Amino acid sequence: MTRISVTVDGARYTDEVEPRTLLVHYLRESLGKTGTVVGCDTSNCGACTVHLDGRSVKSCNVLAVQADGHEVTTIEGLAADGELHPVQQAFHDCHALQCGFCTPGMIMQAADLVAHTPDLTEEKIREGMEGNLCRCTGYHNIVRAVQQAAAQPVPVMEVQP
């Protein structure tokens, strides 16, 4: 077992984990952050996307021990003060989901894209979102939602308690 200390959604956790434990399993099974979805376990679908120190990562491709000393934001930690993050609101407004399985990962990837990519064109959005798969939609409303969010002031990606 290896001892890790990680800040998740503004709260500090110190736990003993098996060195081979994936971050997605640590988040879900140890911390109860079930909004982070296990999709494929191969980093192909992006359903497990979270932010590690403010940048999106596929948590099925990161070991929990690699997050030691770092900050993780999950879909549960994206909203602040009872208000949806602008990307969450845009996904709602644009009906950018169907079954909802991929939605947490899509939103986390989109939030990173909006926060760190200037002059988001449709092409840049499609390219930036290509590592996240949706099996229900044609992506049109997802692209619209990212465009809507990009047109608004987006808060700095700070971890909220």
N, C-alpha and C. Protein backbone atom coordinates (compact mmCIF):
# COMPACT_ATOMS: atom_id res chain seq x y z
N MET A 1 0.84 -1.19 0.00
CA MET A 1 0.00 0.00 0.00
C MET A 1 0.89 1.25 0.00
N THR A 2 0.38 2.29 -0.63
CA THR A 2 1.09 3.55 -0.72
C THR A 2 0.17 4.65 -0.18
N ARG A 3 0.73 5.53 0.62
CA ARG A 3 -0.04 6.63 1.19
C ARG A 3 -0.02 7.80 0.20
N ILE A 4 -1.22 8.34 -0.09
CA ILE A 4 -1.32 9.51 -0.96
C ILE A 4 -2.13 10.59 -0.24
N SER A 5 -1.83 11.82 -0.60
CA SER A 5 -2.61 12.98 -0.15
C SER A 5 -2.99 13.75 -1.40
N VAL A 6 -4.26 13.93 -1.60
CA VAL A 6 -4.75 14.59 -2.80
C VAL A 6 -5.92 15.49 -2.42
N THR A 7 -6.01 16.63 -3.10
CA THR A 7 -7.15 17.52 -2.90
C THR A 7 -8.14 17.24 -4.02
N VAL A 8 -9.35 16.88 -3.63
CA VAL A 8 -10.40 16.58 -4.61
C VAL A 8 -11.59 17.49 -4.33
N ASP A 9 -11.94 18.28 -5.32
CA ASP A 9 -13.06 19.22 -5.22
C ASP A 9 -12.95 20.09 -3.97
N GLY A 10 -11.72 20.49 -3.66
CA GLY A 10 -11.46 21.40 -2.56
C GLY A 10 -11.24 20.76 -1.20
N ALA A 11 -11.45 19.46 -1.09
CA ALA A 11 -11.25 18.77 0.18
C ALA A 11 -9.99 17.92 0.11
N ARG A 12 -9.23 17.92 1.18
CA ARG A 12 -7.97 17.17 1.23
C ARG A 12 -8.23 15.76 1.74
N TYR A 13 -7.70 14.77 1.05
CA TYR A 13 -7.83 13.36 1.43
C TYR A 13 -6.46 12.74 1.54
N THR A 14 -6.27 11.93 2.57
CA THR A 14 -5.06 11.14 2.73
C THR A 14 -5.52 9.70 2.90
N ASP A 15 -5.05 8.84 2.02
CA ASP A 15 -5.48 7.44 2.02
C ASP A 15 -4.33 6.52 1.66
N GLU A 16 -4.49 5.27 2.02
CA GLU A 16 -3.60 4.20 1.58
C GLU A 16 -4.24 3.56 0.36
N VAL A 17 -3.46 3.44 -0.73
CA VAL A 17 -3.99 2.84 -1.95
C VAL A 17 -3.00 1.81 -2.48
N GLU A 18 -3.52 0.85 -3.18
CA GLU A 18 -2.65 -0.07 -3.92
C GLU A 18 -1.96 0.75 -5.01
N PRO A 19 -0.68 0.56 -5.25
CA PRO A 19 0.03 1.35 -6.26
C PRO A 19 -0.59 1.25 -7.66
N ARG A 20 -1.29 0.18 -7.94
CA ARG A 20 -1.88 0.00 -9.28
C ARG A 20 -3.31 0.54 -9.40
N THR A 21 -3.83 1.15 -8.34
CA THR A 21 -5.20 1.68 -8.36
C THR A 21 -5.30 2.85 -9.34
N LEU A 22 -6.25 2.76 -10.24
CA LEU A 22 -6.48 3.85 -11.18
C LEU A 22 -7.19 5.00 -10.47
N LEU A 23 -6.91 6.21 -10.91
CA LEU A 23 -7.53 7.38 -10.31
C LEU A 23 -9.05 7.29 -10.37
N VAL A 24 -9.60 6.83 -11.48
CA VAL A 24 -11.05 6.72 -11.61
C VAL A 24 -11.64 5.82 -10.53
N HIS A 25 -10.97 4.72 -10.22
CA HIS A 25 -11.48 3.80 -9.20
C HIS A 25 -11.31 4.41 -7.81
N TYR A 26 -10.21 5.11 -7.56
CA TYR A 26 -10.02 5.78 -6.28
C TYR A 26 -11.12 6.82 -6.07
N LEU A 27 -11.38 7.63 -7.09
CA LEU A 27 -12.41 8.67 -6.97
C LEU A 27 -13.78 8.07 -6.68
N ARG A 28 -14.13 7.04 -7.43
CA ARG A 28 -15.46 6.43 -7.29
C ARG A 28 -15.59 5.59 -6.03
N GLU A 29 -14.65 4.70 -5.81
CA GLU A 29 -14.79 3.70 -4.75
C GLU A 29 -14.36 4.20 -3.38
N SER A 30 -13.32 5.01 -3.33
CA SER A 30 -12.84 5.50 -2.03
C SER A 30 -13.50 6.81 -1.63
N LEU A 31 -13.76 7.69 -2.60
CA LEU A 31 -14.28 9.01 -2.28
C LEU A 31 -15.75 9.19 -2.62
N GLY A 32 -16.35 8.23 -3.33
CA GLY A 32 -17.77 8.34 -3.67
C GLY A 32 -18.07 9.35 -4.76
N LYS A 33 -17.08 9.71 -5.56
CA LYS A 33 -17.27 10.66 -6.66
C LYS A 33 -17.75 9.89 -7.89
N THR A 34 -19.01 9.45 -7.84
CA THR A 34 -19.54 8.58 -8.88
C THR A 34 -19.94 9.31 -10.15
N GLY A 35 -19.85 10.64 -10.16
CA GLY A 35 -20.08 11.38 -11.39
C GLY A 35 -18.98 11.12 -12.41
N THR A 36 -17.82 10.71 -11.93
CA THR A 36 -16.72 10.31 -12.81
C THR A 36 -17.03 8.89 -13.26
N VAL A 37 -17.34 8.73 -14.52
CA VAL A 37 -17.89 7.48 -15.04
C VAL A 37 -16.79 6.56 -15.56
N VAL A 38 -16.92 5.27 -15.28
CA VAL A 38 -16.05 4.27 -15.88
C VAL A 38 -16.70 3.86 -17.19
N GLY A 39 -16.04 4.20 -18.28
CA GLY A 39 -16.61 3.88 -19.58
C GLY A 39 -15.95 2.68 -20.21
N CYS A 40 -14.69 2.81 -20.55
CA CYS A 40 -14.02 1.76 -21.32
C CYS A 40 -12.79 1.19 -20.63
N ASP A 41 -12.24 1.89 -19.63
CA ASP A 41 -11.00 1.50 -18.95
C ASP A 41 -9.79 1.43 -19.88
N THR A 42 -9.89 2.03 -21.04
CA THR A 42 -8.77 2.00 -21.98
C THR A 42 -8.40 3.39 -22.49
N SER A 43 -8.99 4.42 -21.95
CA SER A 43 -8.80 5.82 -22.33
C SER A 43 -9.32 6.16 -23.71
N ASN A 44 -10.20 5.34 -24.26
CA ASN A 44 -10.76 5.62 -25.58
C ASN A 44 -11.99 6.51 -25.56
N CYS A 45 -12.81 6.42 -24.51
CA CYS A 45 -14.11 7.10 -24.57
C CYS A 45 -14.14 8.45 -23.89
N GLY A 46 -13.34 8.69 -22.86
CA GLY A 46 -13.31 9.98 -22.19
C GLY A 46 -14.38 10.20 -21.14
N ALA A 47 -15.21 9.20 -20.86
CA ALA A 47 -16.27 9.36 -19.86
C ALA A 47 -15.72 9.66 -18.47
N CYS A 48 -14.47 9.27 -18.23
CA CYS A 48 -13.85 9.42 -16.91
C CYS A 48 -13.03 10.70 -16.79
N THR A 49 -13.17 11.63 -17.71
CA THR A 49 -12.35 12.84 -17.72
C THR A 49 -12.57 13.68 -16.46
N VAL A 50 -11.46 14.06 -15.84
CA VAL A 50 -11.44 14.96 -14.68
C VAL A 50 -10.35 15.99 -14.95
N HIS A 51 -10.23 16.95 -14.06
CA HIS A 51 -9.13 17.91 -14.16
C HIS A 51 -8.09 17.58 -13.10
N LEU A 52 -6.86 17.51 -13.53
CA LEU A 52 -5.72 17.32 -12.65
C LEU A 52 -4.90 18.59 -12.73
N ASP A 53 -4.86 19.32 -11.63
CA ASP A 53 -4.20 20.64 -11.60
C ASP A 53 -4.72 21.55 -12.72
N GLY A 54 -6.04 21.50 -12.93
CA GLY A 54 -6.68 22.42 -13.87
C GLY A 54 -6.69 21.99 -15.32
N ARG A 55 -6.14 20.84 -15.65
CA ARG A 55 -6.13 20.37 -17.03
C ARG A 55 -6.81 19.01 -17.11
N SER A 56 -7.50 18.77 -18.21
CA SER A 56 -8.26 17.52 -18.32
C SER A 56 -7.34 16.32 -18.54
N VAL A 57 -7.70 15.23 -17.86
CA VAL A 57 -7.03 13.95 -18.02
C VAL A 57 -8.09 12.86 -17.98
N LYS A 58 -7.79 11.77 -18.61
CA LYS A 58 -8.67 10.61 -18.53
C LYS A 58 -8.24 9.82 -17.30
N SER A 59 -9.09 9.79 -16.29
CA SER A 59 -8.69 9.23 -15.01
C SER A 59 -8.53 7.72 -15.02
N CYS A 60 -8.93 7.06 -16.12
CA CYS A 60 -8.66 5.62 -16.23
C CYS A 60 -7.25 5.38 -16.75
N ASN A 61 -6.56 6.47 -17.07
CA ASN A 61 -5.21 6.38 -17.62
C ASN A 61 -4.18 6.99 -16.66
N VAL A 62 -4.62 7.30 -15.44
CA VAL A 62 -3.77 7.90 -14.43
C VAL A 62 -3.87 7.05 -13.17
N LEU A 63 -2.75 6.75 -12.57
CA LEU A 63 -2.77 6.03 -11.30
C LEU A 63 -3.06 7.00 -10.17
N ALA A 64 -3.74 6.53 -9.16
CA ALA A 64 -4.04 7.38 -8.00
C ALA A 64 -2.75 7.93 -7.38
N VAL A 65 -1.68 7.12 -7.37
CA VAL A 65 -0.42 7.59 -6.79
C VAL A 65 0.18 8.74 -7.60
N GLN A 66 -0.16 8.85 -8.87
CA GLN A 66 0.32 9.96 -9.68
C GLN A 66 -0.37 11.27 -9.31
N ALA A 67 -1.52 11.18 -8.66
CA ALA A 67 -2.25 12.38 -8.23
C ALA A 67 -1.80 12.85 -6.85
N ASP A 68 -0.91 12.10 -6.22
CA ASP A 68 -0.41 12.47 -4.89
C ASP A 68 0.17 13.89 -4.92
N GLY A 69 -0.33 14.73 -4.01
CA GLY A 69 0.15 16.10 -3.92
C GLY A 69 -0.49 17.05 -4.91
N HIS A 70 -1.46 16.57 -5.67
CA HIS A 70 -2.08 17.40 -6.71
C HIS A 70 -3.54 17.69 -6.40
N GLU A 71 -4.14 18.53 -7.24
CA GLU A 71 -5.56 18.88 -7.10
C GLU A 71 -6.35 18.24 -8.23
N VAL A 72 -7.46 17.60 -7.87
CA VAL A 72 -8.35 16.97 -8.83
C VAL A 72 -9.71 17.65 -8.72
N THR A 73 -10.29 17.97 -9.85
CA THR A 73 -11.66 18.47 -9.89
C THR A 73 -12.49 17.48 -10.67
N THR A 74 -13.58 17.04 -10.06
CA THR A 74 -14.51 16.13 -10.72
C THR A 74 -15.73 16.93 -11.16
N ILE A 75 -16.63 16.29 -11.84
CA ILE A 75 -17.87 16.95 -12.25
C ILE A 75 -18.63 17.48 -11.03
N GLU A 76 -18.51 16.78 -9.91
CA GLU A 76 -19.20 17.23 -8.69
C GLU A 76 -18.62 18.53 -8.15
N GLY A 77 -17.38 18.83 -8.47
CA GLY A 77 -16.73 20.02 -7.96
C GLY A 77 -16.68 21.18 -8.93
N LEU A 78 -17.31 21.03 -10.09
CA LEU A 78 -17.22 22.07 -11.12
C LEU A 78 -18.12 23.27 -10.82
N ALA A 79 -19.32 23.03 -10.33
CA ALA A 79 -20.23 24.12 -9.99
C ALA A 79 -19.71 24.84 -8.75
N ALA A 80 -20.06 26.10 -8.62
CA ALA A 80 -19.61 26.88 -7.46
C ALA A 80 -20.77 27.67 -6.88
N ASP A 81 -20.85 27.67 -5.57
CA ASP A 81 -21.85 28.47 -4.85
C ASP A 81 -23.27 28.20 -5.35
N GLY A 82 -23.57 26.96 -5.66
CA GLY A 82 -24.91 26.59 -6.09
C GLY A 82 -25.24 26.96 -7.53
N GLU A 83 -24.27 27.50 -8.24
CA GLU A 83 -24.47 27.91 -9.63
C GLU A 83 -23.73 26.96 -10.55
N LEU A 84 -24.39 26.53 -11.62
CA LEU A 84 -23.72 25.68 -12.59
C LEU A 84 -22.56 26.44 -13.23
N HIS A 85 -21.51 25.72 -13.53
CA HIS A 85 -20.41 26.27 -14.32
C HIS A 85 -21.00 26.64 -15.69
N PRO A 86 -20.50 27.66 -16.36
CA PRO A 86 -21.04 28.04 -17.66
C PRO A 86 -21.11 26.90 -18.67
N VAL A 87 -20.16 25.97 -18.62
CA VAL A 87 -20.21 24.83 -19.55
C VAL A 87 -21.36 23.91 -19.17
N GLN A 88 -21.57 23.67 -17.89
CA GLN A 88 -22.70 22.86 -17.46
C GLN A 88 -24.01 23.50 -17.89
N GLN A 89 -24.11 24.81 -17.69
CA GLN A 89 -25.33 25.52 -18.08
C GLN A 89 -25.55 25.45 -19.59
N ALA A 90 -24.49 25.59 -20.36
CA ALA A 90 -24.61 25.53 -21.82
C ALA A 90 -25.04 24.14 -22.27
N PHE A 91 -24.53 23.09 -21.65
CA PHE A 91 -24.96 21.73 -22.01
C PHE A 91 -26.45 21.58 -21.73
N HIS A 92 -26.90 22.14 -20.63
CA HIS A 92 -28.33 22.09 -20.30
C HIS A 92 -29.13 22.89 -21.32
N ASP A 93 -28.72 24.13 -21.57
CA ASP A 93 -29.46 25.01 -22.48
C ASP A 93 -29.54 24.46 -23.90
N CYS A 94 -28.46 23.83 -24.35
CA CYS A 94 -28.38 23.35 -25.74
C CYS A 94 -28.79 21.89 -25.90
N HIS A 95 -29.27 21.29 -24.83
CA HIS A 95 -29.69 19.87 -24.87
C HIS A 95 -28.56 19.01 -25.42
N ALA A 96 -27.37 19.21 -24.86
CA ALA A 96 -26.17 18.54 -25.37
C ALA A 96 -25.93 17.20 -24.70
N LEU A 97 -26.99 16.47 -24.48
CA LEU A 97 -26.87 15.14 -23.90
C LEU A 97 -28.11 14.35 -24.28
N GLN A 98 -27.96 13.06 -24.20
CA GLN A 98 -29.12 12.21 -24.39
C GLN A 98 -29.22 11.28 -23.20
N CYS A 99 -28.44 10.20 -23.20
CA CYS A 99 -28.54 9.28 -22.07
C CYS A 99 -27.79 9.81 -20.85
N GLY A 100 -26.80 10.67 -21.05
CA GLY A 100 -26.07 11.28 -19.96
C GLY A 100 -24.81 10.54 -19.53
N PHE A 101 -24.57 9.36 -20.07
CA PHE A 101 -23.41 8.58 -19.64
C PHE A 101 -22.10 9.30 -19.91
N CYS A 102 -21.96 9.88 -21.07
CA CYS A 102 -20.71 10.55 -21.44
C CYS A 102 -20.64 11.98 -20.94
N THR A 103 -21.76 12.52 -20.47
CA THR A 103 -21.87 13.95 -20.17
C THR A 103 -20.84 14.46 -19.17
N PRO A 104 -20.58 13.79 -18.04
CA PRO A 104 -19.58 14.34 -17.13
C PRO A 104 -18.20 14.52 -17.79
N GLY A 105 -17.77 13.52 -18.52
CA GLY A 105 -16.48 13.62 -19.21
C GLY A 105 -16.48 14.67 -20.30
N MET A 106 -17.59 14.76 -21.03
CA MET A 106 -17.72 15.79 -22.08
C MET A 106 -17.62 17.18 -21.47
N ILE A 107 -18.33 17.39 -20.37
CA ILE A 107 -18.33 18.70 -19.72
C ILE A 107 -16.94 19.04 -19.20
N MET A 108 -16.27 18.08 -18.59
CA MET A 108 -14.93 18.35 -18.06
C MET A 108 -13.95 18.67 -19.18
N GLN A 109 -14.04 17.95 -20.29
CA GLN A 109 -13.16 18.23 -21.42
C GLN A 109 -13.50 19.60 -22.02
N ALA A 110 -14.79 19.88 -22.15
CA ALA A 110 -15.22 21.17 -22.72
C ALA A 110 -14.78 22.33 -21.83
N ALA A 111 -14.87 22.16 -20.51
CA ALA A 111 -14.46 23.23 -19.59
C ALA A 111 -12.97 23.53 -19.74
N ASP A 112 -12.16 22.49 -19.91
CA ASP A 112 -10.73 22.68 -20.13
C ASP A 112 -10.50 23.39 -21.46
N LEU A 113 -11.22 22.96 -22.47
CA LEU A 113 -11.07 23.54 -23.80
C LEU A 113 -11.44 25.02 -23.79
N VAL A 114 -12.56 25.37 -23.18
CA VAL A 114 -13.02 26.75 -23.12
C VAL A 114 -12.04 27.61 -22.31
N ALA A 115 -11.53 27.06 -21.22
CA ALA A 115 -10.62 27.82 -20.36
C ALA A 115 -9.24 28.04 -20.96
N HIS A 116 -8.80 27.14 -21.84
CA HIS A 116 -7.41 27.19 -22.28
C HIS A 116 -7.20 27.35 -23.79
N THR A 117 -8.27 27.48 -24.55
CA THR A 117 -8.12 27.60 -26.00
C THR A 117 -8.72 28.91 -26.48
N PRO A 118 -7.89 29.83 -26.92
CA PRO A 118 -8.42 31.11 -27.42
C PRO A 118 -9.06 30.94 -28.79
N ASP A 119 -9.99 31.81 -29.10
CA ASP A 119 -10.62 31.86 -30.42
C ASP A 119 -11.14 30.48 -30.84
N LEU A 120 -12.07 29.94 -30.05
CA LEU A 120 -12.60 28.60 -30.34
C LEU A 120 -13.49 28.62 -31.57
N THR A 121 -13.02 28.02 -32.62
CA THR A 121 -13.83 27.84 -33.82
C THR A 121 -14.50 26.47 -33.73
N GLU A 122 -15.45 26.21 -34.60
CA GLU A 122 -16.09 24.90 -34.62
C GLU A 122 -15.05 23.81 -34.86
N GLU A 123 -14.11 24.07 -35.72
CA GLU A 123 -13.05 23.09 -36.01
C GLU A 123 -12.22 22.80 -34.76
N LYS A 124 -11.83 23.85 -34.04
CA LYS A 124 -11.05 23.66 -32.81
C LYS A 124 -11.85 22.90 -31.76
N ILE A 125 -13.14 23.18 -31.67
CA ILE A 125 -13.99 22.49 -30.72
C ILE A 125 -14.06 21.01 -31.07
N ARG A 126 -14.33 20.70 -32.33
CA ARG A 126 -14.43 19.30 -32.73
C ARG A 126 -13.11 18.57 -32.51
N GLU A 127 -12.01 19.23 -32.80
CA GLU A 127 -10.70 18.63 -32.59
C GLU A 127 -10.42 18.45 -31.09
N GLY A 128 -10.76 19.44 -30.30
CA GLY A 128 -10.51 19.39 -28.87
C GLY A 128 -11.39 18.38 -28.13
N MET A 129 -12.53 18.05 -28.71
CA MET A 129 -13.46 17.11 -28.08
C MET A 129 -13.36 15.70 -28.66
N GLU A 130 -12.49 15.49 -29.63
CA GLU A 130 -12.49 14.21 -30.34
C GLU A 130 -12.11 13.01 -29.49
N GLY A 131 -11.48 13.20 -28.36
CA GLY A 131 -11.14 12.09 -27.48
C GLY A 131 -12.27 11.68 -26.55
N ASN A 132 -13.41 12.33 -26.65
CA ASN A 132 -14.57 12.01 -25.84
C ASN A 132 -15.68 11.54 -26.78
N LEU A 133 -16.15 10.34 -26.52
CA LEU A 133 -17.15 9.73 -27.40
C LEU A 133 -18.54 9.77 -26.81
N CYS A 134 -19.51 10.03 -27.69
CA CYS A 134 -20.93 9.95 -27.34
C CYS A 134 -21.56 8.98 -28.31
N ARG A 135 -22.24 8.00 -27.77
CA ARG A 135 -22.85 6.99 -28.64
C ARG A 135 -24.30 7.31 -28.97
N CYS A 136 -24.83 8.43 -28.44
CA CYS A 136 -26.25 8.75 -28.64
C CYS A 136 -26.49 9.90 -29.60
N THR A 137 -25.62 10.92 -29.57
CA THR A 137 -25.92 12.14 -30.33
C THR A 137 -25.04 12.23 -31.58
N GLY A 138 -25.34 13.20 -32.38
CA GLY A 138 -24.51 13.49 -33.54
C GLY A 138 -23.50 14.57 -33.25
N TYR A 139 -23.31 14.93 -31.99
CA TYR A 139 -22.35 15.92 -31.53
C TYR A 139 -22.73 17.36 -31.84
N HIS A 140 -23.74 17.58 -32.66
CA HIS A 140 -24.10 18.95 -33.04
C HIS A 140 -24.41 19.80 -31.81
N ASN A 141 -25.25 19.30 -30.92
CA ASN A 141 -25.62 20.08 -29.75
C ASN A 141 -24.46 20.22 -28.76
N ILE A 142 -23.57 19.25 -28.74
CA ILE A 142 -22.38 19.36 -27.88
C ILE A 142 -21.51 20.51 -28.38
N VAL A 143 -21.29 20.58 -29.68
CA VAL A 143 -20.50 21.67 -30.27
C VAL A 143 -21.18 23.00 -30.00
N ARG A 144 -22.51 23.06 -30.16
CA ARG A 144 -23.25 24.29 -29.86
C ARG A 144 -23.07 24.72 -28.42
N ALA A 145 -23.11 23.75 -27.52
CA ALA A 145 -22.95 24.07 -26.09
C ALA A 145 -21.56 24.64 -25.81
N VAL A 146 -20.54 24.07 -26.41
CA VAL A 146 -19.18 24.57 -26.21
C VAL A 146 -19.06 25.98 -26.80
N GLN A 147 -19.67 26.20 -27.95
CA GLN A 147 -19.65 27.54 -28.54
C GLN A 147 -20.34 28.54 -27.62
N GLN A 148 -21.49 28.15 -27.06
CA GLN A 148 -22.21 29.04 -26.15
C GLN A 148 -21.37 29.35 -24.93
N ALA A 149 -20.75 28.34 -24.34
CA ALA A 149 -19.92 28.55 -23.15
C ALA A 149 -18.71 29.42 -23.47
N ALA A 150 -18.13 29.22 -24.64
CA ALA A 150 -16.95 29.99 -25.04
C ALA A 150 -17.27 31.47 -25.24
N ALA A 151 -18.54 31.77 -25.55
CA ALA A 151 -18.95 33.15 -25.77
C ALA A 151 -19.21 33.90 -24.47
N GLN A 152 -19.17 33.18 -23.34
CA GLN A 152 -19.43 33.79 -22.03
C GLN A 152 -18.12 33.87 -21.25
N PRO A 153 -18.07 34.77 -20.28
CA PRO A 153 -16.90 34.76 -19.40
C PRO A 153 -16.92 33.47 -18.58
N VAL A 154 -15.82 32.75 -18.63
CA VAL A 154 -15.73 31.48 -17.90
C VAL A 154 -14.88 31.71 -16.66
N PRO A 155 -15.37 31.23 -15.51
CA PRO A 155 -14.59 31.43 -14.29
C PRO A 155 -13.26 30.71 -14.36
N VAL A 156 -12.30 31.24 -13.61
CA VAL A 156 -11.01 30.59 -13.50
C VAL A 156 -11.24 29.21 -12.90
N MET A 157 -10.51 28.22 -13.40
CA MET A 157 -10.70 26.84 -12.96
C MET A 157 -10.10 26.63 -11.57
N GLU A 158 -10.78 27.14 -10.56
CA GLU A 158 -10.31 26.98 -9.19
C GLU A 158 -11.11 25.86 -8.55
N VAL A 159 -10.50 25.15 -7.65
CA VAL A 159 -11.18 24.09 -6.91
C VAL A 159 -12.04 24.76 -5.85
N GLN A 160 -13.30 24.39 -5.78
CA GLN A 160 -14.22 24.95 -4.80
C GLN A 160 -14.41 23.98 -3.65
N PRO A 161 -14.45 24.48 -2.43
CA PRO A 161 -14.66 23.59 -1.27
C PRO A 161 -16.08 23.07 -1.23
